[in-house]
Each structure stands twice: as C-alpha cells, then as structure tokens.
Amino acid sequence: MLVKTTCPICHCDTYIQVDAEEYARWQAGELIQVAMPYLHPEDREMLVSGICPDCWDEQLVDEYGDGEDLWLSEEDFDETGFNPYMGCYDFDC
C-alpha cells in the first residue's frame, strides 16, 4: 500500500510503499522499527512525524551538527531497551 505523508514544516507530500499488514500492526501499537525494519530510518521518521528529510536536516542538523548521531539504532539501547545517552527507553525516545 502507498502511504501519503505531508511534512508539517514545508507541506510537501511524500508517498512511502509499505506492506498493509505491517502498517496495520504499527497502527495497532507495534514499534515501527519492529513492524517495518526494512524501511530506511528517514522513511520511518516520515511515517511517525511527517517531517521530510530536507526539513529534518534544516531544522535539526543546523541545531545539533551533522546529523550522523541523530538516528538511533539497536546498538544505542541495552538489553532492557534503555538508552543511557538519551535517558529513555526505545519506546519513549
């Protein structure tokens, strides 16, 4: 299925191809990175917040640096799901 997202900053529309069953699991509460692990982090972010990569870079990279450390991966969390750098669990970050 094709999911349309609209960036809340620049109002551009983006379409992301996802599996309908996986999308339904995410909408039912499953973590997006578990339901759709094959999606690039930028695509998952667009589904979650709607923010497009260009606006993400303009809004956040300018404030925080080059953006290389902005995306979280499984290595950022311990075995309980806690991220010691962010001070939150993976479902809260």
N, C-alpha and C. Protein backbone atom coordinates (compact mmCIF):
# COMPACT_ATOMS: atom_id res chain seq x y z
N MET A 1 0.84 -1.18 0.00
CA MET A 1 0.00 0.00 0.00
C MET A 1 0.88 1.23 0.00
N LEU A 2 0.35 2.31 -0.53
CA LEU A 2 1.08 3.57 -0.60
C LEU A 2 0.53 4.50 0.47
N VAL A 3 1.42 4.99 1.35
CA VAL A 3 1.02 5.87 2.44
C VAL A 3 1.52 7.28 2.12
N LYS A 4 0.62 8.24 2.21
CA LYS A 4 0.97 9.64 1.96
C LYS A 4 1.27 10.33 3.28
N THR A 5 2.40 11.03 3.33
CA THR A 5 2.72 11.87 4.48
C THR A 5 2.88 13.30 3.99
N THR A 6 2.50 14.26 4.82
CA THR A 6 2.65 15.67 4.50
C THR A 6 3.52 16.30 5.58
N CYS A 7 4.63 16.87 5.16
CA CYS A 7 5.56 17.49 6.11
C CYS A 7 4.87 18.67 6.79
N PRO A 8 4.89 18.70 8.12
CA PRO A 8 4.26 19.81 8.83
C PRO A 8 5.03 21.13 8.72
N ILE A 9 6.24 21.06 8.20
CA ILE A 9 7.06 22.27 8.09
C ILE A 9 6.95 22.88 6.69
N CYS A 10 7.23 22.08 5.65
CA CYS A 10 7.23 22.61 4.28
C CYS A 10 5.98 22.24 3.49
N HIS A 11 5.17 21.36 4.07
CA HIS A 11 3.90 20.94 3.47
C HIS A 11 4.05 20.14 2.19
N CYS A 12 5.23 19.57 1.95
CA CYS A 12 5.40 18.72 0.78
C CYS A 12 4.81 17.33 1.07
N ASP A 13 4.29 16.70 0.04
CA ASP A 13 3.74 15.35 0.17
C ASP A 13 4.78 14.33 -0.24
N THR A 14 4.85 13.24 0.50
CA THR A 14 5.73 12.12 0.20
C THR A 14 4.91 10.85 0.27
N TYR A 15 5.20 9.92 -0.61
CA TYR A 15 4.50 8.64 -0.63
C TYR A 15 5.49 7.52 -0.32
N ILE A 16 5.12 6.66 0.61
CA ILE A 16 6.00 5.58 1.04
C ILE A 16 5.27 4.26 0.84
N GLN A 17 5.92 3.32 0.16
CA GLN A 17 5.35 2.00 -0.09
C GLN A 17 5.60 1.11 1.12
N VAL A 18 4.52 0.57 1.71
CA VAL A 18 4.62 -0.33 2.85
C VAL A 18 3.67 -1.50 2.66
N ASP A 19 3.92 -2.56 3.40
CA ASP A 19 3.02 -3.71 3.41
C ASP A 19 1.81 -3.37 4.29
N ALA A 20 0.60 -3.64 3.81
CA ALA A 20 -0.62 -3.27 4.53
C ALA A 20 -0.72 -3.94 5.90
N GLU A 21 -0.34 -5.22 6.00
CA GLU A 21 -0.41 -5.92 7.29
C GLU A 21 0.59 -5.34 8.28
N GLU A 22 1.79 -5.02 7.81
CA GLU A 22 2.80 -4.43 8.69
C GLU A 22 2.38 -3.03 9.14
N TYR A 23 1.78 -2.27 8.24
CA TYR A 23 1.29 -0.94 8.58
C TYR A 23 0.20 -1.05 9.65
N ALA A 24 -0.69 -2.02 9.49
CA ALA A 24 -1.77 -2.23 10.48
C ALA A 24 -1.19 -2.61 11.84
N ARG A 25 -0.14 -3.45 11.86
CA ARG A 25 0.49 -3.82 13.14
C ARG A 25 1.07 -2.59 13.82
N TRP A 26 1.72 -1.71 13.04
CA TRP A 26 2.28 -0.48 13.59
C TRP A 26 1.17 0.40 14.13
N GLN A 27 0.10 0.57 13.39
CA GLN A 27 -1.02 1.39 13.83
C GLN A 27 -1.68 0.82 15.09
N ALA A 28 -1.56 -0.50 15.28
CA ALA A 28 -2.14 -1.15 16.46
C ALA A 28 -1.22 -1.05 17.68
N GLY A 29 -0.02 -0.47 17.50
CA GLY A 29 0.86 -0.26 18.65
C GLY A 29 2.23 -0.90 18.59
N GLU A 30 2.47 -1.73 17.58
CA GLU A 30 3.81 -2.33 17.46
C GLU A 30 4.81 -1.24 17.07
N LEU A 31 6.02 -1.32 17.60
CA LEU A 31 7.05 -0.35 17.25
C LEU A 31 7.29 -0.37 15.75
N ILE A 32 7.41 0.80 15.15
CA ILE A 32 7.57 0.88 13.71
C ILE A 32 8.83 0.16 13.24
N GLN A 33 9.90 0.22 14.02
CA GLN A 33 11.14 -0.44 13.63
C GLN A 33 11.02 -1.96 13.71
N VAL A 34 10.06 -2.46 14.46
CA VAL A 34 9.80 -3.90 14.53
C VAL A 34 8.85 -4.30 13.40
N ALA A 35 7.80 -3.51 13.21
CA ALA A 35 6.81 -3.82 12.18
C ALA A 35 7.37 -3.69 10.77
N MET A 36 8.24 -2.69 10.56
CA MET A 36 8.78 -2.42 9.22
C MET A 36 10.28 -2.17 9.28
N PRO A 37 11.06 -3.19 9.66
CA PRO A 37 12.51 -2.98 9.83
C PRO A 37 13.25 -2.69 8.54
N TYR A 38 12.68 -3.04 7.41
CA TYR A 38 13.31 -2.84 6.11
C TYR A 38 13.29 -1.39 5.66
N LEU A 39 12.41 -0.57 6.26
CA LEU A 39 12.35 0.83 5.87
C LEU A 39 13.57 1.59 6.36
N HIS A 40 14.03 2.52 5.57
CA HIS A 40 15.13 3.39 5.97
C HIS A 40 14.64 4.25 7.13
N PRO A 41 15.50 4.59 8.08
CA PRO A 41 15.09 5.44 9.21
C PRO A 41 14.39 6.73 8.79
N GLU A 42 14.82 7.32 7.67
CA GLU A 42 14.17 8.55 7.20
C GLU A 42 12.71 8.28 6.82
N ASP A 43 12.46 7.12 6.20
CA ASP A 43 11.09 6.77 5.82
C ASP A 43 10.24 6.51 7.06
N ARG A 44 10.82 5.83 8.05
CA ARG A 44 10.07 5.58 9.29
C ARG A 44 9.77 6.91 10.00
N GLU A 45 10.73 7.82 9.99
CA GLU A 45 10.50 9.13 10.62
C GLU A 45 9.39 9.89 9.91
N MET A 46 9.36 9.80 8.59
CA MET A 46 8.28 10.48 7.86
C MET A 46 6.92 9.89 8.21
N LEU A 47 6.86 8.57 8.41
CA LEU A 47 5.59 7.96 8.81
C LEU A 47 5.19 8.39 10.22
N VAL A 48 6.16 8.48 11.12
CA VAL A 48 5.87 8.81 12.52
C VAL A 48 5.54 10.30 12.68
N SER A 49 6.40 11.17 12.18
CA SER A 49 6.23 12.60 12.43
C SER A 49 5.78 13.39 11.21
N GLY A 50 5.99 12.82 10.03
CA GLY A 50 5.68 13.53 8.80
C GLY A 50 6.80 14.43 8.31
N ILE A 51 7.82 14.63 9.14
CA ILE A 51 8.91 15.54 8.78
C ILE A 51 9.76 14.93 7.67
N CYS A 52 9.90 15.66 6.56
CA CYS A 52 10.69 15.16 5.43
C CYS A 52 12.19 15.31 5.74
N PRO A 53 13.04 14.55 5.04
CA PRO A 53 14.48 14.61 5.31
C PRO A 53 15.08 16.00 5.15
N ASP A 54 14.63 16.77 4.16
CA ASP A 54 15.18 18.12 3.98
C ASP A 54 14.89 19.01 5.18
N CYS A 55 13.64 18.97 5.65
CA CYS A 55 13.29 19.80 6.81
C CYS A 55 13.97 19.28 8.08
N TRP A 56 14.11 17.95 8.19
CA TRP A 56 14.82 17.37 9.33
C TRP A 56 16.24 17.94 9.37
N ASP A 57 16.90 17.93 8.21
CA ASP A 57 18.26 18.46 8.14
C ASP A 57 18.30 19.95 8.47
N GLU A 58 17.39 20.71 7.88
CA GLU A 58 17.38 22.15 8.11
C GLU A 58 17.06 22.50 9.56
N GLN A 59 16.10 21.82 10.15
CA GLN A 59 15.64 22.15 11.50
C GLN A 59 16.55 21.59 12.58
N LEU A 60 17.03 20.35 12.39
CA LEU A 60 17.76 19.69 13.46
C LEU A 60 19.26 19.65 13.26
N VAL A 61 19.72 19.43 12.04
CA VAL A 61 21.15 19.35 11.81
C VAL A 61 21.79 20.70 12.07
N ASP A 62 21.13 21.76 11.67
CA ASP A 62 21.68 23.09 11.94
C ASP A 62 21.86 23.31 13.44
N GLU A 63 20.93 22.75 14.22
CA GLU A 63 20.98 22.94 15.67
C GLU A 63 21.95 21.98 16.35
N TYR A 64 22.03 20.72 15.84
CA TYR A 64 22.79 19.69 16.55
C TYR A 64 24.04 19.21 15.84
N GLY A 65 24.35 19.68 14.68
CA GLY A 65 25.55 19.25 13.99
C GLY A 65 25.24 18.53 12.70
N ASP A 66 26.09 17.59 12.32
CA ASP A 66 26.00 16.97 11.00
C ASP A 66 24.88 15.94 10.86
N GLY A 67 24.22 15.57 11.92
CA GLY A 67 23.10 14.65 11.84
C GLY A 67 23.47 13.19 11.91
N GLU A 68 24.74 12.87 11.89
CA GLU A 68 25.15 11.48 11.91
C GLU A 68 24.69 10.76 13.18
N ASP A 69 24.57 11.46 14.29
CA ASP A 69 24.21 10.84 15.55
C ASP A 69 22.72 10.98 15.88
N LEU A 70 21.93 11.52 14.96
CA LEU A 70 20.52 11.74 15.25
C LEU A 70 19.68 10.48 15.15
N TRP A 71 20.07 9.51 14.35
CA TRP A 71 19.28 8.29 14.16
C TRP A 71 19.71 7.25 15.18
N LEU A 72 18.76 6.67 15.86
CA LEU A 72 19.04 5.63 16.84
C LEU A 72 19.02 4.27 16.18
N SER A 73 19.87 3.39 16.64
CA SER A 73 19.88 2.02 16.15
C SER A 73 19.81 1.08 17.35
N GLU A 74 19.69 -0.20 17.10
CA GLU A 74 19.61 -1.18 18.18
C GLU A 74 20.83 -1.11 19.10
N GLU A 75 21.98 -0.75 18.56
CA GLU A 75 23.21 -0.67 19.36
C GLU A 75 23.15 0.44 20.40
N ASP A 76 22.23 1.39 20.22
CA ASP A 76 22.12 2.51 21.15
C ASP A 76 21.39 2.13 22.44
N PHE A 77 20.77 0.95 22.49
CA PHE A 77 19.98 0.53 23.64
C PHE A 77 20.59 -0.71 24.28
N ASP A 78 20.45 -0.82 25.61
CA ASP A 78 20.94 -2.02 26.28
C ASP A 78 19.89 -3.13 26.16
N GLU A 79 20.11 -4.25 26.83
CA GLU A 79 19.22 -5.41 26.68
C GLU A 79 17.80 -5.15 27.20
N THR A 80 17.61 -4.15 28.03
CA THR A 80 16.27 -3.83 28.52
C THR A 80 15.56 -2.80 27.64
N GLY A 81 16.27 -2.27 26.64
CA GLY A 81 15.69 -1.25 25.79
C GLY A 81 16.01 0.16 26.25
N PHE A 82 16.86 0.30 27.28
CA PHE A 82 17.20 1.62 27.81
C PHE A 82 18.36 2.21 27.03
N ASN A 83 18.25 3.49 26.70
CA ASN A 83 19.33 4.21 26.03
C ASN A 83 19.99 5.12 27.06
N PRO A 84 21.19 4.79 27.51
CA PRO A 84 21.84 5.59 28.56
C PRO A 84 22.21 6.99 28.10
N TYR A 85 22.39 7.20 26.80
CA TYR A 85 22.77 8.52 26.30
C TYR A 85 21.57 9.47 26.26
N MET A 86 20.39 8.92 25.93
CA MET A 86 19.19 9.74 25.82
C MET A 86 18.38 9.74 27.12
N GLY A 87 18.64 8.74 27.98
CA GLY A 87 17.91 8.65 29.24
C GLY A 87 16.47 8.21 29.07
N CYS A 88 16.23 7.34 28.08
CA CYS A 88 14.86 6.88 27.85
C CYS A 88 14.89 5.45 27.30
N TYR A 89 13.73 4.83 27.30
CA TYR A 89 13.58 3.51 26.70
C TYR A 89 13.23 3.67 25.23
N ASP A 90 13.48 2.61 24.43
CA ASP A 90 13.29 2.71 22.98
C ASP A 90 11.88 3.12 22.59
N PHE A 91 10.90 2.81 23.39
CA PHE A 91 9.53 3.18 23.05
C PHE A 91 9.19 4.61 23.47
N ASP A 92 10.10 5.28 24.20
CA ASP A 92 9.88 6.66 24.62
C ASP A 92 10.73 7.67 23.85
N CYS A 93 11.80 7.21 23.20
CA CYS A 93 12.74 8.13 22.52
C CYS A 93 12.12 8.69 21.26
